[in-house]
Amino acid sequence: KAAAVPAFDDSATRPITSFTRRAVELDERVYDDSFQAVHRDGSVWTALKDADLADEQALYSKLGAKTAVGMPFKDIATSDSIVLQDGVPTDPAKLRTVSRLMTAGVGVVVKADALRETPLEGAIALVDAGDASPVPGARATALRLVGTESDADLAAAAKSGAALCVVDVSAELSRTHAARRVFHILKANDAPFPVIVRLGYDAQTARAPNNGPLRKDLFILRMGMDGGSLLVDGLGDGVLVDAPFDVDFLRTASFGLLQGSRMRNVKTEFVSCPSCGRTLFDLQEVTAQISERTGHLPGVTIAIMGCIVNGPGEMADADFG
């Protein structure tokens, strides 16, 4: 799969001796005081199927939104945008749910063809590269790039005037190699828009290596390898994780990926050593107890170490240890 990606040299746009995140501009069409489809520290987009819209209040909770008299509003770890995979709902109750999320400032992203068939005022149209047809009622466009585009097409995409971009690498290519090439060309052509990295998996590809079991903990490792390798290099301004798991789990895992990549902090950060023969207490049990009591403190780093040999140094950057 890596061999299928055209050769490129990103040494000029991604120097190995220094870390710089790609400079972006937040377009007022998708980011203002009352509506924020993206977040300046890193965005979480959540894919929804039509069935996910059936239980309104449960959906608000799964998206991390708080409610007042049944109406949702954003909290510190609410999904910034939702992607309607099955198009605009026709059921009035489901459409009302989508409308209320938009009123709360959550972005609603729909494929352009679906919006042309069933317009939704204020939605963000997801358009493929080269699609210049108008989308009725769309407040902005998000350009979808799959990694097979030519260098010239990617250079043109950088100047397209889109408010956003979604890098959705084709399954025929190496996700990491193809995404790095896309980011290289976008950066070389001064693309101003934020880029969301889509990490899409089905029931087979979400499994552990060697066709292992479909487990959440192993999936998080796979997601971290695929997405974290880009985010820690400053490539990507958010993630859209689409996999056969519950909406709430995918949202919290996405925020965990951003926090682990040192982008957006929404929960307490715990640092712990793996323990060794010098540890004279049950480190895992104590860490779990501390986590349970202090997990509600976003922005705070707590270190739990097993001994005095390495502990003080490893706790140096923590707020408490």
C-alpha atoms as a PDB file:
ATOM      1  CA  LYS A   1       0.000   0.000   0.000  1.00  0.00           C
ATOM      2  CA  ALA A   2       2.870   2.377   0.716  1.00  0.00           C
ATOM      3  CA  ALA A   3       4.324   1.679  -2.721  1.00  0.00           C
ATOM      4  CA  ALA A   4       1.073   2.841  -4.315  1.00  0.00           C
ATOM      5  CA  VAL A   5       1.561   6.363  -2.930  1.00  0.00           C
ATOM      6  CA  PRO A   6       3.408   8.696  -5.357  1.00  0.00           C
ATOM      7  CA  ALA A   7       6.902   9.612  -4.195  1.00  0.00           C
ATOM      8  CA  PHE A   8       7.243  12.867  -2.277  1.00  0.00           C
ATOM      9  CA  ASP A   9       9.802  14.672  -0.144  1.00  0.00           C
ATOM     10  CA  ASP A  10       8.337  16.529   2.833  1.00  0.00           C
ATOM     11  CA  SER A  11      11.635  17.523   4.449  1.00  0.00           C
ATOM     12  CA  ALA A  12      10.956  21.175   3.633  1.00  0.00           C
ATOM     13  CA  THR A  13       7.452  21.246   5.117  1.00  0.00           C
ATOM     14  CA  ARG A  14       8.125  18.894   8.055  1.00  0.00           C
ATOM     15  CA  PRO A  15      11.612  19.562   9.451  1.00  0.00           C
ATOM     16  CA  ILE A  16      12.794  16.820  11.810  1.00  0.00           C
ATOM     17  CA  THR A  17      14.771  19.178  14.048  1.00  0.00           C
ATOM     18  CA  SER A  18      11.842  21.331  15.153  1.00  0.00           C
ATOM     19  CA  PHE A  19       8.114  21.027  15.785  1.00  0.00           C
ATOM     20  CA  THR A  20       5.668  23.399  14.171  1.00  0.00           C
ATOM     21  CA  ARG A  21       1.967  22.912  13.672  1.00  0.00           C
ATOM     22  CA  ARG A  22       0.535  23.946  10.319  1.00  0.00           C
ATOM     23  CA  ALA A  23      -0.907  27.454  10.561  1.00  0.00           C
ATOM     24  CA  VAL A  24      -4.624  27.569   9.778  1.00  0.00           C
ATOM     25  CA  GLU A  25      -7.366  30.172   9.606  1.00  0.00           C
ATOM     26  CA  LEU A  26     -10.761  29.449  11.162  1.00  0.00           C
ATOM     27  CA  ASP A  27     -13.316  30.567   8.600  1.00  0.00           C
ATOM     28  CA  GLU A  28     -16.182  32.569  10.103  1.00  0.00           C
ATOM     29  CA  ARG A  29     -18.611  30.347   8.192  1.00  0.00           C
ATOM     30  CA  VAL A  30     -17.725  27.478  10.530  1.00  0.00           C
ATOM     31  CA  TYR A  31     -16.347  29.286  13.576  1.00  0.00           C
ATOM     32  CA  ASP A  32     -17.807  32.313  15.329  1.00  0.00           C
ATOM     33  CA  ASP A  33     -19.160  33.223  18.766  1.00  0.00           C
ATOM     34  CA  SER A  34     -22.390  31.259  18.367  1.00  0.00           C
ATOM     35  CA  PHE A  35     -21.400  28.427  16.027  1.00  0.00           C
ATOM     36  CA  GLN A  36     -18.220  26.362  16.201  1.00  0.00           C
ATOM     37  CA  ALA A  37     -18.037  23.353  13.913  1.00  0.00           C
ATOM     38  CA  VAL A  38     -14.334  23.141  14.737  1.00  0.00           C
ATOM     39  CA  HIS A  39     -12.190  23.885  17.776  1.00  0.00           C
ATOM     40  CA  ARG A  40      -8.957  25.844  17.647  1.00  0.00           C
ATOM     41  CA  ASP A  41      -7.093  23.263  19.775  1.00  0.00           C
ATOM     42  CA  GLY A  42      -8.336  20.216  17.875  1.00  0.00           C
ATOM     43  CA  SER A  43     -11.755  19.066  16.697  1.00  0.00           C
ATOM     44  CA  VAL A  44     -13.783  15.915  17.282  1.00  0.00           C
ATOM     45  CA  TRP A  45     -16.327  15.004  14.622  1.00  0.00           C
ATOM     46  CA  THR A  46     -18.726  12.123  15.226  1.00  0.00           C
ATOM     47  CA  ALA A  47     -20.302   9.953  12.521  1.00  0.00           C
ATOM     48  CA  LEU A  48     -24.002   9.161  13.029  1.00  0.00           C
ATOM     49  CA  LYS A  49     -26.349   6.785  11.300  1.00  0.00           C
ATOM     50  CA  ASP A  50     -30.055   7.471  10.971  1.00  0.00           C
ATOM     51  CA  ALA A  51     -30.792   4.992  13.781  1.00  0.00           C
ATOM     52  CA  ASP A  52     -28.614   7.015  16.194  1.00  0.00           C
ATOM     53  CA  LEU A  53     -31.109   9.891  15.927  1.00  0.00           C
ATOM     54  CA  ALA A  54     -34.030   7.830  17.239  1.00  0.00           C
ATOM     55  CA  ASP A  55     -33.490   8.543  20.957  1.00  0.00           C
ATOM     56  CA  GLU A  56     -33.009  12.300  21.213  1.00  0.00           C
ATOM     57  CA  GLN A  57     -31.953  12.651  24.857  1.00  0.00           C
ATOM     58  CA  ALA A  58     -29.682   9.579  24.753  1.00  0.00           C
ATOM     59  CA  LEU A  59     -27.943  10.990  21.691  1.00  0.00           C
ATOM     60  CA  TYR A  60     -27.262  14.313  23.397  1.00  0.00           C
ATOM     61  CA  SER A  61     -25.623  12.421  26.250  1.00  0.00           C
ATOM     62  CA  LYS A  62     -23.528  10.265  23.906  1.00  0.00           C
ATOM     63  CA  LEU A  63     -22.318  13.374  22.104  1.00  0.00           C
ATOM     64  CA  GLY A  64     -21.183  14.830  25.441  1.00  0.00           C
ATOM     65  CA  ALA A  65     -23.757  17.613  25.477  1.00  0.00           C
ATOM     66  CA  LYS A  66     -25.530  18.829  28.589  1.00  0.00           C
ATOM     67  CA  THR A  67     -29.235  19.601  28.534  1.00  0.00           C
ATOM     68  CA  ALA A  68     -31.541  22.182  30.066  1.00  0.00           C
ATOM     69  CA  VAL A  69     -35.290  21.586  29.795  1.00  0.00           C
ATOM     70  CA  GLY A  70     -34.518  19.007  27.140  1.00  0.00           C
ATOM     71  CA  MET A  71     -32.459  21.332  24.943  1.00  0.00           C
ATOM     72  CA  PRO A  72     -28.760  20.496  24.312  1.00  0.00           C
ATOM     73  CA  PHE A  73     -25.824  22.815  24.817  1.00  0.00           C
ATOM     74  CA  LYS A  74     -22.125  22.275  24.401  1.00  0.00           C
ATOM     75  CA  ASP A  75     -19.844  21.213  27.236  1.00  0.00           C
ATOM     76  CA  ILE A  76     -16.064  20.869  27.451  1.00  0.00           C
ATOM     77  CA  ALA A  77     -16.029  17.479  25.671  1.00  0.00           C
ATOM     78  CA  THR A  78     -18.980  17.750  23.284  1.00  0.00           C
ATOM     79  CA  SER A  79     -18.496  16.650  19.686  1.00  0.00           C
ATOM     80  CA  ASP A  80     -17.809  19.747  17.614  1.00  0.00           C
ATOM     81  CA  SER A  81     -19.650  18.398  14.564  1.00  0.00           C
ATOM     82  CA  ILE A  82     -21.714  15.411  13.524  1.00  0.00           C
ATOM     83  CA  VAL A  83     -21.564  13.699  10.142  1.00  0.00           C
ATOM     84  CA  LEU A  84     -24.905  12.333   8.919  1.00  0.00           C
ATOM     85  CA  GLN A  85     -23.868   9.208   7.046  1.00  0.00           C
ATOM     86  CA  ASP A  86     -27.382   8.382   5.823  1.00  0.00           C
ATOM     87  CA  GLY A  87     -28.158  11.898   4.628  1.00  0.00           C
ATOM     88  CA  VAL A  88     -30.727  14.357   5.934  1.00  0.00           C
ATOM     89  CA  PRO A  89     -33.420  12.543   7.965  1.00  0.00           C
ATOM     90  CA  THR A  90     -36.978  12.693   6.709  1.00  0.00           C
ATOM     91  CA  ASP A  91     -38.577  11.806  10.044  1.00  0.00           C
ATOM     92  CA  PRO A  92     -39.762  15.071  11.704  1.00  0.00           C
ATOM     93  CA  ALA A  93     -38.563  14.029  15.181  1.00  0.00           C
ATOM     94  CA  LYS A  94     -35.084  13.160  13.935  1.00  0.00           C
ATOM     95  CA  LEU A  95     -34.921  16.356  11.911  1.00  0.00           C
ATOM     96  CA  ARG A  96     -35.844  18.304  15.044  1.00  0.00           C
ATOM     97  CA  THR A  97     -32.957  16.640  16.900  1.00  0.00           C
ATOM     98  CA  VAL A  98     -30.520  17.708  14.195  1.00  0.00           C
ATOM     99  CA  SER A  99     -31.942  21.238  14.222  1.00  0.00           C
ATOM    100  CA  ARG A 100     -31.532  21.525  17.985  1.00  0.00           C
ATOM    101  CA  LEU A 101     -27.904  20.418  17.756  1.00  0.00           C
ATOM    102  CA  MET A 102     -27.272  23.063  15.107  1.00  0.00           C
ATOM    103  CA  THR A 103     -28.866  25.669  17.365  1.00  0.00           C
ATOM    104  CA  ALA A 104     -26.484  24.568  20.132  1.00  0.00           C
ATOM    105  CA  GLY A 105     -23.544  25.337  17.839  1.00  0.00           C
ATOM    106  CA  VAL A 106     -22.781  21.804  16.679  1.00  0.00           C
ATOM    107  CA  GLY A 107     -21.796  21.533  13.027  1.00  0.00           C
ATOM    108  CA  VAL A 108     -23.834  19.199  10.806  1.00  0.00           C
ATOM    109  CA  VAL A 109     -21.891  17.709   7.897  1.00  0.00           C
ATOM    110  CA  VAL A 110     -23.675  15.959   5.012  1.00  0.00           C
ATOM    111  CA  LYS A 111     -22.428  14.666   1.669  1.00  0.00           C
ATOM    112  CA  ALA A 112     -23.064  17.182  -1.075  1.00  0.00           C
ATOM    113  CA  ASP A 113     -25.148  14.818  -3.220  1.00  0.00           C
ATOM    114  CA  ALA A 114     -27.466  14.115  -0.277  1.00  0.00           C
ATOM    115  CA  LEU A 115     -27.871  17.853   0.372  1.00  0.00           C
ATOM    116  CA  ARG A 116     -28.716  18.510  -3.258  1.00  0.00           C
ATOM    117  CA  GLU A 117     -31.447  15.897  -2.988  1.00  0.00           C
ATOM    118  CA  THR A 118     -32.708  17.006   0.440  1.00  0.00           C
ATOM    119  CA  PRO A 119     -31.435  20.489   1.360  1.00  0.00           C
ATOM    120  CA  LEU A 120     -30.762  21.342   5.009  1.00  0.00           C
ATOM    121  CA  GLU A 121     -30.312  25.025   5.717  1.00  0.00           C
ATOM    122  CA  GLY A 122     -27.073  25.705   7.593  1.00  0.00           C
ATOM    123  CA  ALA A 123     -25.436  22.318   6.967  1.00  0.00           C
ATOM    124  CA  ILE A 124     -21.814  21.894   5.873  1.00  0.00           C
ATOM    125  CA  ALA A 125     -21.529  20.182   2.492  1.00  0.00           C
ATOM    126  CA  LEU A 126     -18.898  17.460   2.146  1.00  0.00           C
ATOM    127  CA  VAL A 127     -17.737  17.701  -1.472  1.00  0.00           C
ATOM    128  CA  ASP A 128     -15.261  15.616  -3.433  1.00  0.00           C
ATOM    129  CA  ALA A 129     -12.302  17.288  -5.096  1.00  0.00           C
ATOM    130  CA  GLY A 130     -13.326  18.678  -8.456  1.00  0.00           C
ATOM    131  CA  ASP A 131     -17.015  18.944  -7.582  1.00  0.00           C
ATOM    132  CA  ALA A 132     -17.924  22.554  -8.329  1.00  0.00           C
ATOM    133  CA  SER A 133     -21.712  22.189  -8.444  1.00  0.00           C
ATOM    134  CA  PRO A 134     -23.609  24.457  -6.011  1.00  0.00           C
ATOM    135  CA  VAL A 135     -25.149  22.993  -2.851  1.00  0.00           C
ATOM    136  CA  PRO A 136     -28.441  24.700  -1.879  1.00  0.00           C
ATOM    137  CA  GLY A 137     -28.620  25.966   1.710  1.00  0.00           C
ATOM    138  CA  ALA A 138     -25.082  24.944   2.703  1.00  0.00           C
ATOM    139  CA  ARG A 139     -23.321  27.419   4.963  1.00  0.00           C
ATOM    140  CA  ALA A 140     -19.871  26.156   3.900  1.00  0.00           C
ATOM    141  CA  THR A 141     -18.079  23.348   2.102  1.00  0.00           C
ATOM    142  CA  ALA A 142     -15.672  20.745   3.466  1.00  0.00           C
ATOM    143  CA  LEU A 143     -13.397  19.348   0.778  1.00  0.00           C
ATOM    144  CA  ARG A 144     -12.856  15.567   0.842  1.00  0.00           C
ATOM    145  CA  LEU A 145      -9.455  14.307  -0.261  1.00  0.00           C
ATOM    146  CA  VAL A 146      -8.718  10.575  -0.551  1.00  0.00           C
ATOM    147  CA  GLY A 147      -4.979  10.590  -1.305  1.00  0.00           C
ATOM    148  CA  THR A 148      -5.214   9.470  -4.935  1.00  0.00           C
ATOM    149  CA  GLU A 149      -5.306  13.022  -6.280  1.00  0.00           C
ATOM    150  CA  SER A 150      -2.425  14.272  -8.414  1.00  0.00           C
ATOM    151  CA  ASP A 151      -0.017  16.908  -7.128  1.00  0.00           C
ATOM    152  CA  ALA A 152      -1.737  19.467  -9.352  1.00  0.00           C
ATOM    153  CA  ASP A 153      -5.184  18.535  -8.017  1.00  0.00           C
ATOM    154  CA  LEU A 154      -3.989  18.866  -4.429  1.00  0.00           C
ATOM    155  CA  ALA A 155      -2.400  22.219  -5.194  1.00  0.00           C
ATOM    156  CA  ALA A 156      -5.711  23.371  -6.687  1.00  0.00           C
ATOM    157  CA  ALA A 157      -7.561  22.092  -3.617  1.00  0.00           C
ATOM    158  CA  ALA A 158      -5.361  24.267  -1.421  1.00  0.00           C
ATOM    159  CA  LYS A 159      -6.666  27.325  -3.307  1.00  0.00           C
ATOM    160  CA  SER A 160     -10.284  26.119  -3.585  1.00  0.00           C
ATOM    161  CA  GLY A 161     -11.765  28.481  -1.008  1.00  0.00           C
ATOM    162  CA  ALA A 162     -13.231  25.625   1.060  1.00  0.00           C
ATOM    163  CA  ALA A 163     -13.753  26.331   4.746  1.00  0.00           C
ATOM    164  CA  LEU A 164     -12.600  22.878   5.812  1.00  0.00           C
ATOM    165  CA  CYS A 165     -10.946  19.746   4.514  1.00  0.00           C
ATOM    166  CA  VAL A 166     -11.394  16.073   5.373  1.00  0.00           C
ATOM    167  CA  VAL A 167      -8.537  13.693   4.570  1.00  0.00           C
ATOM    168  CA  ASP A 168     -10.206  10.329   4.006  1.00  0.00           C
ATOM    169  CA  VAL A 169      -7.482   8.067   2.649  1.00  0.00           C
ATOM    170  CA  SER A 170      -8.579   5.352   0.275  1.00  0.00           C
ATOM    171  CA  ALA A 171      -8.339   1.762   1.550  1.00  0.00           C
ATOM    172  CA  GLU A 172      -6.028   0.950  -1.356  1.00  0.00           C
ATOM    173  CA  LEU A 173      -3.317   3.208   0.059  1.00  0.00           C
ATOM    174  CA  SER A 174      -1.200   3.344   3.201  1.00  0.00           C
ATOM    175  CA  ARG A 175      -3.091   5.747   5.454  1.00  0.00           C
ATOM    176  CA  THR A 176       0.052   7.264   6.969  1.00  0.00           C
ATOM    177  CA  HIS A 177       2.039   7.656   3.743  1.00  0.00           C
ATOM    178  CA  ALA A 178      -0.857   9.026   1.707  1.00  0.00           C
ATOM    179  CA  ALA A 179      -1.954  11.461   4.426  1.00  0.00           C
ATOM    180  CA  ARG A 180       1.585  12.786   4.841  1.00  0.00           C
ATOM    181  CA  ARG A 181       1.764  13.446   1.107  1.00  0.00           C
ATOM    182  CA  VAL A 182      -1.543  15.336   1.182  1.00  0.00           C
ATOM    183  CA  PHE A 183      -0.430  17.464   4.128  1.00  0.00           C
ATOM    184  CA  HIS A 184       2.923  18.148   2.471  1.00  0.00           C
ATOM    185  CA  ILE A 185       1.333  19.519  -0.703  1.00  0.00           C
ATOM    186  CA  LEU A 186      -1.351  21.473   1.170  1.00  0.00           C
ATOM    187  CA  LYS A 187       1.278  23.100   3.380  1.00  0.00           C
ATOM    188  CA  ALA A 188       3.582  23.818   0.437  1.00  0.00           C
ATOM    189  CA  ASN A 189       0.680  25.663  -1.226  1.00  0.00           C
ATOM    190  CA  ASP A 190      -0.318  27.575   1.934  1.00  0.00           C
ATOM    191  CA  ALA A 191      -3.721  25.942   2.341  1.00  0.00           C
ATOM    192  CA  PRO A 192      -5.443  28.006   5.052  1.00  0.00           C
ATOM    193  CA  PHE A 193      -8.216  25.629   6.141  1.00  0.00           C
ATOM    194  CA  PRO A 194      -8.261  23.190   9.080  1.00  0.00           C
ATOM    195  CA  VAL A 195      -7.945  19.530   8.121  1.00  0.00           C
ATOM    196  CA  ILE A 196      -9.915  16.745   9.796  1.00  0.00           C
ATOM    197  CA  VAL A 197      -8.392  13.270   9.552  1.00  0.00           C
ATOM    198  CA  ARG A 198     -10.985  10.540   9.036  1.00  0.00           C
ATOM    199  CA  LEU A 199     -10.097   7.197  10.596  1.00  0.00           C
ATOM    200  CA  GLY A 200     -12.610   4.794   9.087  1.00  0.00           C
ATOM    201  CA  TYR A 201     -12.855   1.119  10.003  1.00  0.00           C
ATOM    202  CA  ASP A 202     -15.290  -1.704   9.397  1.00  0.00           C
ATOM    203  CA  ALA A 203     -15.839  -4.796  11.544  1.00  0.00           C
ATOM    204  CA  GLN A 204     -12.755  -6.418  10.000  1.00  0.00           C
ATOM    205  CA  THR A 205     -10.233  -3.581   9.876  1.00  0.00           C
ATOM    206  CA  ALA A 206     -11.125  -2.424  13.414  1.00  0.00           C
ATOM    207  CA  ARG A 207      -9.796  -5.686  14.800  1.00  0.00           C
ATOM    208  CA  ALA A 208      -6.410  -6.156  16.366  1.00  0.00           C
ATOM    209  CA  PRO A 209      -3.484  -7.183  14.138  1.00  0.00           C
ATOM    210  CA  ASN A 210      -3.489 -10.768  12.876  1.00  0.00           C
ATOM    211  CA  ASN A 211      -7.289 -10.831  12.793  1.00  0.00           C
ATOM    212  CA  GLY A 212      -7.603 -10.672  16.568  1.00  0.00           C
ATOM    213  CA  PRO A 213     -10.782  -9.995  18.547  1.00  0.00           C
ATOM    214  CA  LEU A 214     -12.937  -6.879  18.149  1.00  0.00           C
ATOM    215  CA  ARG A 215     -12.044  -5.254  21.471  1.00  0.00           C
ATOM    216  CA  LYS A 216     -12.200  -1.610  22.510  1.00  0.00           C
ATOM    217  CA  ASP A 217      -8.781  -1.558  24.171  1.00  0.00           C
ATOM    218  CA  LEU A 218      -7.068  -3.062  21.136  1.00  0.00           C
ATOM    219  CA  PHE A 219      -8.971  -0.741  18.810  1.00  0.00           C
ATOM    220  CA  ILE A 220      -7.691   2.280  20.734  1.00  0.00           C
ATOM    221  CA  LEU A 221      -4.141   1.066  20.093  1.00  0.00           C
ATOM    222  CA  ARG A 222      -4.872   0.698  16.384  1.00  0.00           C
ATOM    223  CA  MET A 223      -6.518   4.120  16.229  1.00  0.00           C
ATOM    224  CA  GLY A 224      -3.551   5.634  18.032  1.00  0.00           C
ATOM    225  CA  MET A 225      -1.103   4.133  15.548  1.00  0.00           C
ATOM    226  CA  ASP A 226      -3.069   5.352  12.550  1.00  0.00           C
ATOM    227  CA  GLY A 227      -4.066   8.814  13.751  1.00  0.00           C
ATOM    228  CA  GLY A 228      -1.597   9.628  16.491  1.00  0.00           C
ATOM    229  CA  SER A 229       1.376   9.238  14.166  1.00  0.00           C
ATOM    230  CA  LEU A 230       0.030  12.178  12.170  1.00  0.00           C
ATOM    231  CA  LEU A 231      -1.262  14.365  14.988  1.00  0.00           C
ATOM    232  CA  VAL A 232       1.956  14.296  17.038  1.00  0.00           C
ATOM    233  CA  ASP A 233       3.783  15.649  13.987  1.00  0.00           C
ATOM    234  CA  GLY A 234       1.372  18.570  13.773  1.00  0.00           C
ATOM    235  CA  LEU A 235      -0.490  17.072  10.812  1.00  0.00           C
ATOM    236  CA  GLY A 236      -4.218  17.376  11.340  1.00  0.00           C
ATOM    237  CA  ASP A 237      -6.550  19.684  13.195  1.00  0.00           C
ATOM    238  CA  GLY A 238      -9.036  17.075  14.386  1.00  0.00           C
ATOM    239  CA  VAL A 239     -10.338  13.557  13.887  1.00  0.00           C
ATOM    240  CA  LEU A 240     -13.435  11.807  12.608  1.00  0.00           C
ATOM    241  CA  VAL A 241     -13.375   8.230  13.928  1.00  0.00           C
ATOM    242  CA  ASP A 242     -15.870   5.945  12.246  1.00  0.00           C
ATOM    243  CA  ALA A 243     -15.931   2.354  13.542  1.00  0.00           C
ATOM    244  CA  PRO A 244     -18.425  -0.328  14.678  1.00  0.00           C
ATOM    245  CA  PHE A 245     -18.562   0.867  18.279  1.00  0.00           C
ATOM    246  CA  ASP A 246     -20.939   2.979  20.362  1.00  0.00           C
ATOM    247  CA  VAL A 247     -21.091   6.730  19.661  1.00  0.00           C
ATOM    248  CA  ASP A 248     -20.111   7.624  23.237  1.00  0.00           C
ATOM    249  CA  PHE A 249     -17.038   5.362  23.172  1.00  0.00           C
ATOM    250  CA  LEU A 250     -15.849   6.754  19.836  1.00  0.00           C
ATOM    251  CA  ARG A 251     -16.279  10.330  21.083  1.00  0.00           C
ATOM    252  CA  THR A 252     -14.328   9.778  24.304  1.00  0.00           C
ATOM    253  CA  ALA A 253     -11.643   7.810  22.448  1.00  0.00           C
ATOM    254  CA  SER A 254     -11.319  10.690  19.964  1.00  0.00           C
ATOM    255  CA  PHE A 255     -10.845  13.233  22.735  1.00  0.00           C
ATOM    256  CA  GLY A 256      -8.321  10.896  24.340  1.00  0.00           C
ATOM    257  CA  LEU A 257      -6.403  10.753  21.053  1.00  0.00           C
ATOM    258  CA  LEU A 258      -6.275  14.552  20.859  1.00  0.00           C
ATOM    259  CA  GLN A 259      -5.156  14.862  24.475  1.00  0.00           C
ATOM    260  CA  GLY A 260      -2.526  12.154  24.030  1.00  0.00           C
ATOM    261  CA  SER A 261      -1.242  14.108  21.021  1.00  0.00           C
ATOM    262  CA  ARG A 262      -0.934  17.231  23.213  1.00  0.00           C
ATOM    263  CA  MET A 263      -3.638  19.116  21.373  1.00  0.00           C
ATOM    264  CA  ARG A 264      -6.841  19.527  23.372  1.00  0.00           C
ATOM    265  CA  ASN A 265      -7.096  18.903  27.100  1.00  0.00           C
ATOM    266  CA  VAL A 266     -10.558  17.886  28.339  1.00  0.00           C
ATOM    267  CA  LYS A 267      -9.804  15.571  31.270  1.00  0.00           C
ATOM    268  CA  THR A 268      -7.301  14.952  34.026  1.00  0.00           C
ATOM    269  CA  GLU A 269      -3.905  13.805  32.790  1.00  0.00           C
ATOM    270  CA  PHE A 270      -2.414  10.877  34.718  1.00  0.00           C
ATOM    271  CA  VAL A 271       1.265   9.918  34.510  1.00  0.00           C
ATOM    272  CA  SER A 272       2.312   6.623  36.057  1.00  0.00           C
ATOM    273  CA  CYS A 273       5.390   4.407  35.939  1.00  0.00           C
ATOM    274  CA  PRO A 274       5.000   0.731  34.935  1.00  0.00           C
ATOM    275  CA  SER A 275       6.247  -0.384  38.401  1.00  0.00           C
ATOM    276  CA  CYS A 276       9.232  -2.620  39.099  1.00  0.00           C
ATOM    277  CA  GLY A 277      10.877  -4.501  41.968  1.00  0.00           C
ATOM    278  CA  ARG A 278      11.379  -1.276  43.923  1.00  0.00           C
ATOM    279  CA  THR A 279       7.632  -0.640  44.137  1.00  0.00           C
ATOM    280  CA  LEU A 280       6.325  -1.612  47.569  1.00  0.00           C
ATOM    281  CA  PHE A 281       2.593  -1.096  46.952  1.00  0.00           C
ATOM    282  CA  ASP A 282      -0.058  -2.016  44.381  1.00  0.00           C
ATOM    283  CA  LEU A 283       0.558   0.784  41.883  1.00  0.00           C
ATOM    284  CA  GLN A 284      -2.336  -0.147  39.589  1.00  0.00           C
ATOM    285  CA  GLU A 285      -4.868  -0.208  42.417  1.00  0.00           C
ATOM    286  CA  VAL A 286      -3.670   3.108  43.861  1.00  0.00           C
ATOM    287  CA  THR A 287      -3.686   4.724  40.397  1.00  0.00           C
ATOM    288  CA  ALA A 288      -7.273   3.535  39.856  1.00  0.00           C
ATOM    289  CA  GLN A 289      -8.335   4.974  43.225  1.00  0.00           C
ATOM    290  CA  ILE A 290      -6.722   8.348  42.523  1.00  0.00           C
ATOM    291  CA  SER A 291      -8.207   8.395  39.023  1.00  0.00           C
ATOM    292  CA  GLU A 292     -11.697   7.763  40.369  1.00  0.00           C
ATOM    293  CA  ARG A 293     -11.476  10.667  42.813  1.00  0.00           C
ATOM    294  CA  THR A 294      -9.690  13.212  40.626  1.00  0.00           C
ATOM    295  CA  GLY A 295     -10.846  12.376  37.104  1.00  0.00           C
ATOM    296  CA  HIS A 296     -13.074  15.469  36.999  1.00  0.00           C
ATOM    297  CA  LEU A 297     -10.211  17.983  36.835  1.00  0.00           C
ATOM    298  CA  PRO A 298      -9.477  18.906  33.197  1.00  0.00           C
ATOM    299  CA  GLY A 299      -6.171  20.662  32.712  1.00  0.00           C
ATOM    300  CA  VAL A 300      -4.566  19.092  35.791  1.00  0.00           C
ATOM    301  CA  THR A 301      -1.688  16.590  35.541  1.00  0.00           C
ATOM    302  CA  ILE A 302      -1.233  14.076  38.364  1.00  0.00           C
ATOM    303  CA  ALA A 303       1.768  11.733  38.565  1.00  0.00           C
ATOM    304  CA  ILE A 304       1.718   8.460  40.498  1.00  0.00           C
ATOM    305  CA  MET A 305       5.164   6.908  40.815  1.00  0.00           C
ATOM    306  CA  GLY A 306       6.368   3.732  42.502  1.00  0.00           C
ATOM    307  CA  CYS A 307       9.669   4.777  44.085  1.00  0.00           C
ATOM    308  CA  ILE A 308      12.070   7.662  44.772  1.00  0.00           C
ATOM    309  CA  VAL A 309      14.646   6.620  42.170  1.00  0.00           C
ATOM    310  CA  ASN A 310      12.896   7.851  39.029  1.00  0.00           C
ATOM    311  CA  GLY A 311       9.737   9.298  40.548  1.00  0.00           C
ATOM    312  CA  PRO A 312      10.844  12.893  41.306  1.00  0.00           C
ATOM    313  CA  GLY A 313      12.190  13.435  37.797  1.00  0.00           C
ATOM    314  CA  GLU A 314       9.194  11.890  36.108  1.00  0.00           C
ATOM    315  CA  MET A 315       6.867  14.011  38.268  1.00  0.00           C
ATOM    316  CA  ALA A 316       8.654  17.263  37.423  1.00  0.00           C
ATOM    317  CA  ASP A 317       6.091  18.407  34.858  1.00  0.00           C
ATOM    318  CA  ALA A 318       3.046  17.346  36.902  1.00  0.00           C
ATOM    319  CA  ASP A 319       0.839  19.648  38.964  1.00  0.00           C
ATOM    320  CA  PHE A 320       0.566  17.069  41.755  1.00  0.00           C
ATOM    321  CA  GLY A 321       2.546  13.901  42.474  1.00  0.00           C
END
